[in-house]
Every structure is written in structure tokens, then in C-alpha cells.
Amino acid sequence: DFFREAVREKLAHTEKDFTPRTAFGKKLAALRARHVASGAKLLTAD
């Protein structure tokens, strides 16, 4: 039960839950948001 709940909890988190703490992280998050808002797709690592 513990493991099932831990996985459920982790999967429930979304990108909206992430708050960058550094100035650089905030800059990257703003660039990403602008990119997504423009309708462009996000690429996978590959």
C-alpha cells in the first residue's frame, strides 16, 4: 500500500507544481512557457 500510494502521489504532481528557485531556473521556465504558449511542441531528449 505504501509503494502504491507513493507512486500515485508522484504521478499526481504536474509541471505546474514545479517552482524554480534560481534566477537561471526562472529564466528557463519563462522561456519554456513562452515556447509552449506560441503553440510550438516540446521535444523529447532524443
All heavy atoms as atom14 arrays in JSON, in Angstrom:
{
  "sequence": "DFFREAVREKLAHTEKDFTPRTAFGKKLAALRARHVASGAKLLTAD",
  "atom14_mask": [
    [1, 1, 1, 1, 1, 1, 1, 1, 0, 0, 0, 0, 0, 0],
    [1, 1, 1, 1, 1, 1, 1, 1, 1, 1, 1, 0, 0, 0],
    [1, 1, 1, 1, 1, 1, 1, 1, 1, 1, 1, 0, 0, 0],
    [1, 1, 1, 1, 1, 1, 1, 1, 1, 1, 1, 0, 0, 0],
    [1, 1, 1, 1, 1, 1, 1, 1, 1, 0, 0, 0, 0, 0],
    [1, 1, 1, 1, 1, 0, 0, 0, 0, 0, 0, 0, 0, 0],
    [1, 1, 1, 1, 1, 1, 1, 0, 0, 0, 0, 0, 0, 0],
    [1, 1, 1, 1, 1, 1, 1, 1, 1, 1, 1, 0, 0, 0],
    [1, 1, 1, 1, 1, 1, 1, 1, 1, 0, 0, 0, 0, 0],
    [1, 1, 1, 1, 1, 1, 1, 1, 1, 0, 0, 0, 0, 0],
    [1, 1, 1, 1, 1, 1, 1, 1, 0, 0, 0, 0, 0, 0],
    [1, 1, 1, 1, 1, 0, 0, 0, 0, 0, 0, 0, 0, 0],
    [1, 1, 1, 1, 1, 1, 1, 1, 1, 1, 0, 0, 0, 0],
    [1, 1, 1, 1, 1, 1, 1, 0, 0, 0, 0, 0, 0, 0],
    [1, 1, 1, 1, 1, 1, 1, 1, 1, 0, 0, 0, 0, 0],
    [1, 1, 1, 1, 1, 1, 1, 1, 1, 0, 0, 0, 0, 0],
    [1, 1, 1, 1, 1, 1, 1, 1, 0, 0, 0, 0, 0, 0],
    [1, 1, 1, 1, 1, 1, 1, 1, 1, 1, 1, 0, 0, 0],
    [1, 1, 1, 1, 1, 1, 1, 0, 0, 0, 0, 0, 0, 0],
    [1, 1, 1, 1, 1, 1, 1, 0, 0, 0, 0, 0, 0, 0],
    [1, 1, 1, 1, 1, 1, 1, 1, 1, 1, 1, 0, 0, 0],
    [1, 1, 1, 1, 1, 1, 1, 0, 0, 0, 0, 0, 0, 0],
    [1, 1, 1, 1, 1, 0, 0, 0, 0, 0, 0, 0, 0, 0],
    [1, 1, 1, 1, 1, 1, 1, 1, 1, 1, 1, 0, 0, 0],
    [1, 1, 1, 1, 0, 0, 0, 0, 0, 0, 0, 0, 0, 0],
    [1, 1, 1, 1, 1, 1, 1, 1, 1, 0, 0, 0, 0, 0],
    [1, 1, 1, 1, 1, 1, 1, 1, 1, 0, 0, 0, 0, 0],
    [1, 1, 1, 1, 1, 1, 1, 1, 0, 0, 0, 0, 0, 0],
    [1, 1, 1, 1, 1, 0, 0, 0, 0, 0, 0, 0, 0, 0],
    [1, 1, 1, 1, 1, 0, 0, 0, 0, 0, 0, 0, 0, 0],
    [1, 1, 1, 1, 1, 1, 1, 1, 0, 0, 0, 0, 0, 0],
    [1, 1, 1, 1, 1, 1, 1, 1, 1, 1, 1, 0, 0, 0],
    [1, 1, 1, 1, 1, 0, 0, 0, 0, 0, 0, 0, 0, 0],
    [1, 1, 1, 1, 1, 1, 1, 1, 1, 1, 1, 0, 0, 0],
    [1, 1, 1, 1, 1, 1, 1, 1, 1, 1, 0, 0, 0, 0],
    [1, 1, 1, 1, 1, 1, 1, 0, 0, 0, 0, 0, 0, 0],
    [1, 1, 1, 1, 1, 0, 0, 0, 0, 0, 0, 0, 0, 0],
    [1, 1, 1, 1, 1, 1, 0, 0, 0, 0, 0, 0, 0, 0],
    [1, 1, 1, 1, 0, 0, 0, 0, 0, 0, 0, 0, 0, 0],
    [1, 1, 1, 1, 1, 0, 0, 0, 0, 0, 0, 0, 0, 0],
    [1, 1, 1, 1, 1, 1, 1, 1, 1, 0, 0, 0, 0, 0],
    [1, 1, 1, 1, 1, 1, 1, 1, 0, 0, 0, 0, 0, 0],
    [1, 1, 1, 1, 1, 1, 1, 1, 0, 0, 0, 0, 0, 0],
    [1, 1, 1, 1, 1, 1, 1, 0, 0, 0, 0, 0, 0, 0],
    [1, 1, 1, 1, 1, 0, 0, 0, 0, 0, 0, 0, 0, 0],
    [1, 1, 1, 1, 1, 1, 1, 1, 0, 0, 0, 0, 0, 0]
  ],
  "atom14_positions": [
    [[0.83, -1.2, 0.0], [0.0, 0.0, 0.0], [0.87, 1.26, 0.0], [0.57, 2.23, -0.69], [-0.93, 0.03, 1.22], [-2.01, -1.03, 1.15], [-2.31, -1.5, 0.03], [-2.54, -1.38, 2.21], [0.0, 0.0, 0.0], [0.0, 0.0, 0.0], [0.0, 0.0, 0.0], [0.0, 0.0, 0.0], [0.0, 0.0, 0.0], [0.0, 0.0, 0.0]],
    [[1.94, 1.21, 0.77], [2.85, 2.35, 0.86], [3.43, 2.67, -0.52], [3.43, 3.82, -0.96], [3.99, 2.05, 1.85], [5.01, 3.15, 1.93], [4.84, 4.2, 2.82], [6.13, 3.13, 1.13], [5.78, 5.22, 2.9], [7.08, 4.14, 1.2], [6.9, 5.18, 2.09], [0.0, 0.0, 0.0], [0.0, 0.0, 0.0], [0.0, 0.0, 0.0]],
    [[3.92, 1.64, -1.22], [4.52, 1.86, -2.53], [3.5, 2.32, -3.55], [3.76, 3.22, -4.35], [5.24, 0.6, -3.02], [6.48, 0.28, -2.22], [6.6, -0.92, -1.56], [7.51, 1.2, -2.11], [7.73, -1.22, -0.81], [8.65, 0.91, -1.36], [8.75, -0.29, -0.71], [0.0, 0.0, 0.0], [0.0, 0.0, 0.0], [0.0, 0.0, 0.0]],
    [[2.3, 1.72, -3.53], [1.26, 2.14, -4.46], [0.9, 3.61, -4.24], [0.76, 4.38, -5.19], [0.02, 1.27, -4.33], [0.13, -0.04, -5.1], [-1.22, -0.72, -5.2], [-1.64, -1.34, -3.95], [-1.27, -2.56, -3.56], [-0.48, -3.29, -4.3], [-1.69, -3.05, -2.41], [0.0, 0.0, 0.0], [0.0, 0.0, 0.0], [0.0, 0.0, 0.0]],
    [[0.75, 4.01, -2.99], [0.4, 5.38, -2.67], [1.53, 6.34, -3.07], [1.28, 7.44, -3.59], [0.07, 5.54, -1.19], [-0.34, 6.93, -0.78], [-1.55, 7.47, -1.54], [-2.42, 6.67, -1.96], [-1.62, 8.7, -1.74], [0.0, 0.0, 0.0], [0.0, 0.0, 0.0], [0.0, 0.0, 0.0], [0.0, 0.0, 0.0], [0.0, 0.0, 0.0]],
    [[2.78, 5.93, -2.84], [3.92, 6.78, -3.21], [3.95, 7.02, -4.71], [4.18, 8.14, -5.18], [5.23, 6.14, -2.74], [0.0, 0.0, 0.0], [0.0, 0.0, 0.0], [0.0, 0.0, 0.0], [0.0, 0.0, 0.0], [0.0, 0.0, 0.0], [0.0, 0.0, 0.0], [0.0, 0.0, 0.0], [0.0, 0.0, 0.0], [0.0, 0.0, 0.0]],
    [[3.69, 5.98, -5.49], [3.67, 6.12, -6.95], [2.51, 7.01, -7.37], [2.67, 7.9, -8.2], [3.6, 4.74, -7.63], [3.32, 4.87, -9.11], [4.89, 3.97, -7.39], [0.0, 0.0, 0.0], [0.0, 0.0, 0.0], [0.0, 0.0, 0.0], [0.0, 0.0, 0.0], [0.0, 0.0, 0.0], [0.0, 0.0, 0.0], [0.0, 0.0, 0.0]],
    [[1.33, 6.79, -6.79], [0.17, 7.63, -7.12], [0.45, 9.1, -6.83], [0.13, 9.99, -7.61], [-1.05, 7.19, -6.32], [-1.99, 6.28, -7.07], [-3.33, 6.14, -6.36], [-3.28, 5.5, -5.06], [-3.19, 4.19, -4.86], [-3.12, 3.37, -5.87], [-3.16, 3.7, -3.65], [0.0, 0.0, 0.0], [0.0, 0.0, 0.0], [0.0, 0.0, 0.0]],
    [[1.08, 9.35, -5.68], [1.41, 10.71, -5.28], [2.38, 11.36, -6.27], [2.2, 12.5, -6.68], [2.07, 10.66, -3.89], [1.69, 11.76, -2.97], [2.33, 11.53, -1.6], [1.71, 10.83, -0.79], [3.44, 12.05, -1.39], [0.0, 0.0, 0.0], [0.0, 0.0, 0.0], [0.0, 0.0, 0.0], [0.0, 0.0, 0.0], [0.0, 0.0, 0.0]],
    [[3.4, 10.61, -6.65], [4.4, 11.13, -7.57], [3.78, 11.43, -8.93], [4.06, 12.47, -9.53], [5.54, 10.11, -7.72], [6.68, 10.58, -8.52], [7.47, 11.62, -7.77], [8.76, 11.93, -8.5], [9.5, 12.99, -7.88], [0.0, 0.0, 0.0], [0.0, 0.0, 0.0], [0.0, 0.0, 0.0], [0.0, 0.0, 0.0], [0.0, 0.0, 0.0]],
    [[2.92, 10.55, -9.41], [2.28, 10.75, -10.7], [1.27, 11.9, -10.69], [0.98, 12.48, -11.73], [1.6, 9.47, -11.17], [2.54, 8.31, -11.49], [1.75, 7.06, -11.81], [3.47, 8.67, -12.64], [0.0, 0.0, 0.0], [0.0, 0.0, 0.0], [0.0, 0.0, 0.0], [0.0, 0.0, 0.0], [0.0, 0.0, 0.0], [0.0, 0.0, 0.0]],
    [[0.76, 12.24, -9.52], [-0.22, 13.31, -9.4], [0.43, 14.68, -9.57], [-0.24, 15.64, -9.92], [-0.94, 13.24, -8.06], [0.0, 0.0, 0.0], [0.0, 0.0, 0.0], [0.0, 0.0, 0.0], [0.0, 0.0, 0.0], [0.0, 0.0, 0.0], [0.0, 0.0, 0.0], [0.0, 0.0, 0.0], [0.0, 0.0, 0.0], [0.0, 0.0, 0.0]],
    [[1.73, 14.77, -9.31], [2.42, 16.05, -9.47], [2.48, 16.41, -10.94], [2.69, 15.57, -11.79], [3.85, 15.98, -8.9], [3.87, 15.88, -7.41], [3.53, 16.93, -6.59], [4.19, 14.86, -6.6], [3.64, 16.55, -5.34], [4.04, 15.31, -5.3], [0.0, 0.0, 0.0], [0.0, 0.0, 0.0], [0.0, 0.0, 0.0], [0.0, 0.0, 0.0]],
    [[2.29, 17.67, -11.22], [2.36, 18.14, -12.6], [3.47, 19.16, -12.73], [4.07, 19.58, -11.74], [1.03, 18.81, -13.01], [0.85, 19.97, -12.22], [-0.14, 17.86, -12.84], [0.0, 0.0, 0.0], [0.0, 0.0, 0.0], [0.0, 0.0, 0.0], [0.0, 0.0, 0.0], [0.0, 0.0, 0.0], [0.0, 0.0, 0.0], [0.0, 0.0, 0.0]],
    [[3.7, 19.59, -13.96], [4.71, 20.61, -14.19], [4.34, 21.9, -13.46], [5.2, 22.69, -13.1], [4.84, 20.87, -15.68], [5.39, 19.7, -16.44], [5.27, 19.87, -17.95], [4.86, 20.96, -18.39], [5.59, 18.92, -18.65], [0.0, 0.0, 0.0], [0.0, 0.0, 0.0], [0.0, 0.0, 0.0], [0.0, 0.0, 0.0], [0.0, 0.0, 0.0]],
    [[3.06, 22.11, -13.23], [2.61, 23.32, -12.55], [3.09, 23.34, -11.09], [3.15, 24.39, -10.49], [1.09, 23.41, -12.61], [0.57, 23.59, -14.01], [-0.93, 23.52, -14.03], [-1.41, 23.52, -15.47], [-2.77, 23.14, -15.62], [0.0, 0.0, 0.0], [0.0, 0.0, 0.0], [0.0, 0.0, 0.0], [0.0, 0.0, 0.0], [0.0, 0.0, 0.0]],
    [[3.4, 22.16, -10.54], [3.87, 22.08, -9.16], [5.31, 22.56, -9.02], [5.76, 22.84, -7.92], [3.79, 20.64, -8.65], [2.37, 20.14, -8.56], [1.45, 20.96, -8.36], [2.16, 18.92, -8.72], [0.0, 0.0, 0.0], [0.0, 0.0, 0.0], [0.0, 0.0, 0.0], [0.0, 0.0, 0.0], [0.0, 0.0, 0.0], [0.0, 0.0, 0.0]],
    [[6.03, 22.62, -10.13], [7.44, 22.99, -10.09], [7.61, 24.49, -9.99], [7.01, 25.25, -10.75], [8.17, 22.47, -11.33], [9.59, 22.91, -11.4], [10.55, 22.36, -10.57], [9.97, 23.91, -12.28], [11.87, 22.78, -10.62], [11.29, 24.33, -12.34], [12.23, 23.76, -11.51], [0.0, 0.0, 0.0], [0.0, 0.0, 0.0], [0.0, 0.0, 0.0]],
    [[8.4, 24.95, -9.05], [8.71, 26.37, -8.91], [10.23, 26.52, -8.91], [10.89, 26.07, -7.97], [8.15, 26.94, -7.59], [6.75, 26.67, -7.55], [8.4, 28.43, -7.48], [0.0, 0.0, 0.0], [0.0, 0.0, 0.0], [0.0, 0.0, 0.0], [0.0, 0.0, 0.0], [0.0, 0.0, 0.0], [0.0, 0.0, 0.0], [0.0, 0.0, 0.0]],
    [[10.78, 27.12, -9.97], [12.24, 27.3, -9.99], [12.68, 28.25, -8.88], [11.97, 29.2, -8.55], [12.51, 27.9, -11.38], [11.21, 28.38, -11.89], [10.13, 27.66, -11.15], [0.0, 0.0, 0.0], [0.0, 0.0, 0.0], [0.0, 0.0, 0.0], [0.0, 0.0, 0.0], [0.0, 0.0, 0.0], [0.0, 0.0, 0.0], [0.0, 0.0, 0.0]],
    [[13.85, 27.98, -8.32], [14.34, 28.78, -7.21], [15.43, 29.76, -7.6], [15.61, 30.78, -6.95], [14.84, 27.87, -6.1], [13.7, 27.11, -5.44], [14.21, 26.16, -4.41], [14.7, 24.98, -5.14], [15.04, 23.87, -4.58], [14.99, 23.73, -3.28], [15.45, 22.84, -5.3], [0.0, 0.0, 0.0], [0.0, 0.0, 0.0], [0.0, 0.0, 0.0]],
    [[16.19, 29.44, -8.65], [17.29, 30.32, -9.03], [16.85, 31.25, -10.15], [15.87, 30.99, -10.85], [18.49, 29.5, -9.53], [18.12, 28.81, -10.73], [18.96, 28.5, -8.47], [0.0, 0.0, 0.0], [0.0, 0.0, 0.0], [0.0, 0.0, 0.0], [0.0, 0.0, 0.0], [0.0, 0.0, 0.0], [0.0, 0.0, 0.0], [0.0, 0.0, 0.0]],
    [[17.6, 32.32, -10.34], [17.3, 33.27, -11.42], [17.39, 32.57, -12.77], [16.54, 32.77, -13.65], [18.26, 34.45, -11.36], [0.0, 0.0, 0.0], [0.0, 0.0, 0.0], [0.0, 0.0, 0.0], [0.0, 0.0, 0.0], [0.0, 0.0, 0.0], [0.0, 0.0, 0.0], [0.0, 0.0, 0.0], [0.0, 0.0, 0.0], [0.0, 0.0, 0.0]],
    [[18.39, 31.71, -12.93], [18.55, 30.99, -14.19], [17.38, 30.03, -14.42], [16.84, 29.95, -15.53], [19.88, 30.23, -14.2], [20.16, 29.53, -15.5], [20.33, 30.25, -16.67], [20.26, 28.15, -15.56], [20.61, 29.62, -17.87], [20.52, 27.51, -16.75], [20.7, 28.24, -17.91], [0.0, 0.0, 0.0], [0.0, 0.0, 0.0], [0.0, 0.0, 0.0]],
    [[16.96, 29.34, -13.38], [15.82, 28.43, -13.49], [14.55, 29.18, -13.85], [13.74, 28.72, -14.67], [0.0, 0.0, 0.0], [0.0, 0.0, 0.0], [0.0, 0.0, 0.0], [0.0, 0.0, 0.0], [0.0, 0.0, 0.0], [0.0, 0.0, 0.0], [0.0, 0.0, 0.0], [0.0, 0.0, 0.0], [0.0, 0.0, 0.0], [0.0, 0.0, 0.0]],
    [[14.37, 30.36, -13.26], [13.19, 31.18, -13.56], [13.23, 31.64, -15.02], [12.2, 31.68, -15.7], [13.11, 32.38, -12.62], [12.76, 31.96, -11.2], [12.82, 33.13, -10.24], [12.57, 32.62, -8.82], [12.72, 33.64, -7.82], [0.0, 0.0, 0.0], [0.0, 0.0, 0.0], [0.0, 0.0, 0.0], [0.0, 0.0, 0.0], [0.0, 0.0, 0.0]],
    [[14.41, 31.99, -15.5], [14.56, 32.41, -16.89], [14.21, 31.25, -17.84], [13.48, 31.44, -18.81], [15.99, 32.89, -17.14], [16.24, 33.36, -18.56], [17.67, 33.86, -18.72], [17.9, 34.33, -20.15], [19.28, 34.83, -20.32], [0.0, 0.0, 0.0], [0.0, 0.0, 0.0], [0.0, 0.0, 0.0], [0.0, 0.0, 0.0], [0.0, 0.0, 0.0]],
    [[14.73, 30.07, -17.54], [14.43, 28.9, -18.37], [12.94, 28.56, -18.34], [12.35, 28.23, -19.37], [15.26, 27.69, -17.91], [16.75, 27.76, -18.18], [17.45, 26.54, -17.57], [17.04, 27.87, -19.66], [0.0, 0.0, 0.0], [0.0, 0.0, 0.0], [0.0, 0.0, 0.0], [0.0, 0.0, 0.0], [0.0, 0.0, 0.0], [0.0, 0.0, 0.0]],
    [[12.32, 28.65, -17.17], [10.89, 28.36, -17.05], [10.07, 29.36, -17.87], [9.09, 28.99, -18.52], [10.46, 28.37, -15.59], [0.0, 0.0, 0.0], [0.0, 0.0, 0.0], [0.0, 0.0, 0.0], [0.0, 0.0, 0.0], [0.0, 0.0, 0.0], [0.0, 0.0, 0.0], [0.0, 0.0, 0.0], [0.0, 0.0, 0.0], [0.0, 0.0, 0.0]],
    [[10.48, 30.63, -17.86], [9.77, 31.65, -18.63], [9.92, 31.39, -20.13], [8.96, 31.52, -20.89], [10.29, 33.04, -18.27], [0.0, 0.0, 0.0], [0.0, 0.0, 0.0], [0.0, 0.0, 0.0], [0.0, 0.0, 0.0], [0.0, 0.0, 0.0], [0.0, 0.0, 0.0], [0.0, 0.0, 0.0], [0.0, 0.0, 0.0], [0.0, 0.0, 0.0]],
    [[11.12, 31.02, -20.55], [11.34, 30.69, -21.97], [10.49, 29.49, -22.39], [9.9, 29.48, -23.47], [12.82, 30.4, -22.23], [13.75, 31.6, -22.19], [15.2, 31.14, -22.22], [13.46, 32.52, -23.36], [0.0, 0.0, 0.0], [0.0, 0.0, 0.0], [0.0, 0.0, 0.0], [0.0, 0.0, 0.0], [0.0, 0.0, 0.0], [0.0, 0.0, 0.0]],
    [[10.43, 28.49, -21.53], [9.63, 27.31, -21.83], [8.15, 27.67, -21.94], [7.46, 27.25, -22.87], [9.82, 26.25, -20.74], [9.05, 24.98, -20.98], [9.17, 24.06, -19.75], [8.66, 22.75, -20.0], [7.36, 22.44, -20.02], [6.46, 23.35, -19.8], [6.98, 21.2, -20.26], [0.0, 0.0, 0.0], [0.0, 0.0, 0.0], [0.0, 0.0, 0.0]],
    [[7.67, 28.48, -21.0], [6.27, 28.88, -21.02], [5.95, 29.67, -22.28], [4.9, 29.48, -22.9], [5.95, 29.72, -19.77], [0.0, 0.0, 0.0], [0.0, 0.0, 0.0], [0.0, 0.0, 0.0], [0.0, 0.0, 0.0], [0.0, 0.0, 0.0], [0.0, 0.0, 0.0], [0.0, 0.0, 0.0], [0.0, 0.0, 0.0], [0.0, 0.0, 0.0]],
    [[6.86, 30.56, -22.68], [6.66, 31.34, -23.9], [6.63, 30.43, -25.13], [5.81, 30.61, -26.03], [7.76, 32.38, -24.04], [7.43, 33.46, -25.05], [8.39, 34.61, -24.98], [9.65, 34.2, -25.6], [10.81, 34.78, -25.41], [10.9, 35.82, -24.61], [11.88, 34.35, -26.01], [0.0, 0.0, 0.0], [0.0, 0.0, 0.0], [0.0, 0.0, 0.0]],
    [[7.5, 29.43, -25.15], [7.56, 28.47, -26.25], [6.24, 27.69, -26.34], [5.67, 27.55, -27.42], [8.74, 27.52, -26.04], [8.93, 26.51, -27.12], [9.45, 26.84, -28.34], [8.66, 25.19, -27.16], [9.5, 25.77, -29.09], [9.03, 24.74, -28.4], [0.0, 0.0, 0.0], [0.0, 0.0, 0.0], [0.0, 0.0, 0.0], [0.0, 0.0, 0.0]],
    [[5.76, 27.19, -25.22], [4.51, 26.43, -25.18], [3.33, 27.33, -25.58], [2.46, 26.92, -26.35], [4.28, 25.81, -23.79], [2.89, 25.22, -23.66], [5.34, 24.74, -23.52], [0.0, 0.0, 0.0], [0.0, 0.0, 0.0], [0.0, 0.0, 0.0], [0.0, 0.0, 0.0], [0.0, 0.0, 0.0], [0.0, 0.0, 0.0], [0.0, 0.0, 0.0]],
    [[3.32, 28.57, -25.1], [2.23, 29.5, -25.41], [2.18, 29.83, -26.9], [1.1, 30.11, -27.43], [2.38, 30.77, -24.59], [0.0, 0.0, 0.0], [0.0, 0.0, 0.0], [0.0, 0.0, 0.0], [0.0, 0.0, 0.0], [0.0, 0.0, 0.0], [0.0, 0.0, 0.0], [0.0, 0.0, 0.0], [0.0, 0.0, 0.0], [0.0, 0.0, 0.0]],
    [[3.32, 29.76, -27.57], [3.35, 30.06, -29.0], [2.77, 28.92, -29.84], [2.61, 29.06, -31.05], [4.78, 30.36, -29.46], [5.54, 29.15, -29.54], [0.0, 0.0, 0.0], [0.0, 0.0, 0.0], [0.0, 0.0, 0.0], [0.0, 0.0, 0.0], [0.0, 0.0, 0.0], [0.0, 0.0, 0.0], [0.0, 0.0, 0.0], [0.0, 0.0, 0.0]],
    [[2.5, 27.8, -29.18], [1.93, 26.65, -29.89], [2.97, 25.66, -30.37], [2.63, 24.64, -30.96], [0.0, 0.0, 0.0], [0.0, 0.0, 0.0], [0.0, 0.0, 0.0], [0.0, 0.0, 0.0], [0.0, 0.0, 0.0], [0.0, 0.0, 0.0], [0.0, 0.0, 0.0], [0.0, 0.0, 0.0], [0.0, 0.0, 0.0], [0.0, 0.0, 0.0]],
    [[4.23, 25.96, -30.12], [5.29, 25.05, -30.54], [5.31, 23.82, -29.63], [4.93, 23.9, -28.47], [6.64, 25.75, -30.49], [0.0, 0.0, 0.0], [0.0, 0.0, 0.0], [0.0, 0.0, 0.0], [0.0, 0.0, 0.0], [0.0, 0.0, 0.0], [0.0, 0.0, 0.0], [0.0, 0.0, 0.0], [0.0, 0.0, 0.0], [0.0, 0.0, 0.0]],
    [[5.75, 22.69, -30.18], [5.78, 21.47, -29.37], [7.09, 21.35, -28.62], [8.12, 21.86, -29.06], [5.51, 20.24, -30.22], [6.68, 19.75, -31.03], [6.37, 18.4, -31.64], [7.67, 17.73, -32.03], [7.57, 16.32, -32.18], [0.0, 0.0, 0.0], [0.0, 0.0, 0.0], [0.0, 0.0, 0.0], [0.0, 0.0, 0.0], [0.0, 0.0, 0.0]],
    [[7.04, 20.67, -27.5], [8.24, 20.38, -26.73], [8.87, 19.11, -27.28], [8.17, 18.18, -27.63], [7.89, 20.22, -25.25], [7.32, 21.45, -24.57], [6.88, 21.12, -23.15], [8.35, 22.57, -24.55], [0.0, 0.0, 0.0], [0.0, 0.0, 0.0], [0.0, 0.0, 0.0], [0.0, 0.0, 0.0], [0.0, 0.0, 0.0], [0.0, 0.0, 0.0]],
    [[10.17, 19.09, -27.35], [10.89, 17.94, -27.88], [11.29, 16.99, -26.76], [11.57, 17.42, -25.64], [12.14, 18.39, -28.62], [11.96, 19.36, -29.79], [13.31, 19.76, -30.36], [11.07, 18.77, -30.86], [0.0, 0.0, 0.0], [0.0, 0.0, 0.0], [0.0, 0.0, 0.0], [0.0, 0.0, 0.0], [0.0, 0.0, 0.0], [0.0, 0.0, 0.0]],
    [[11.36, 15.71, -27.09], [11.9, 14.73, -26.14], [13.42, 14.84, -26.18], [13.99, 15.5, -27.07], [11.51, 13.3, -26.53], [12.13, 12.99, -27.8], [10.0, 13.13, -26.64], [0.0, 0.0, 0.0], [0.0, 0.0, 0.0], [0.0, 0.0, 0.0], [0.0, 0.0, 0.0], [0.0, 0.0, 0.0], [0.0, 0.0, 0.0], [0.0, 0.0, 0.0]],
    [[14.1, 14.19, -25.25], [15.56, 14.23, -25.23], [16.13, 13.67, -26.53], [17.09, 14.21, -27.09], [16.09, 13.44, -24.03], [0.0, 0.0, 0.0], [0.0, 0.0, 0.0], [0.0, 0.0, 0.0], [0.0, 0.0, 0.0], [0.0, 0.0, 0.0], [0.0, 0.0, 0.0], [0.0, 0.0, 0.0], [0.0, 0.0, 0.0], [0.0, 0.0, 0.0]],
    [[15.53, 12.59, -27.04], [16.01, 12.0, -28.3], [15.81, 12.96, -29.47], [16.67, 13.06, -30.35], [15.29, 10.68, -28.59], [15.69, 9.57, -27.64], [16.8, 9.66, -27.07], [14.9, 8.63, -27.48], [0.0, 0.0, 0.0], [0.0, 0.0, 0.0], [0.0, 0.0, 0.0], [0.0, 0.0, 0.0], [0.0, 0.0, 0.0], [0.0, 0.0, 0.0]]
  ]
}
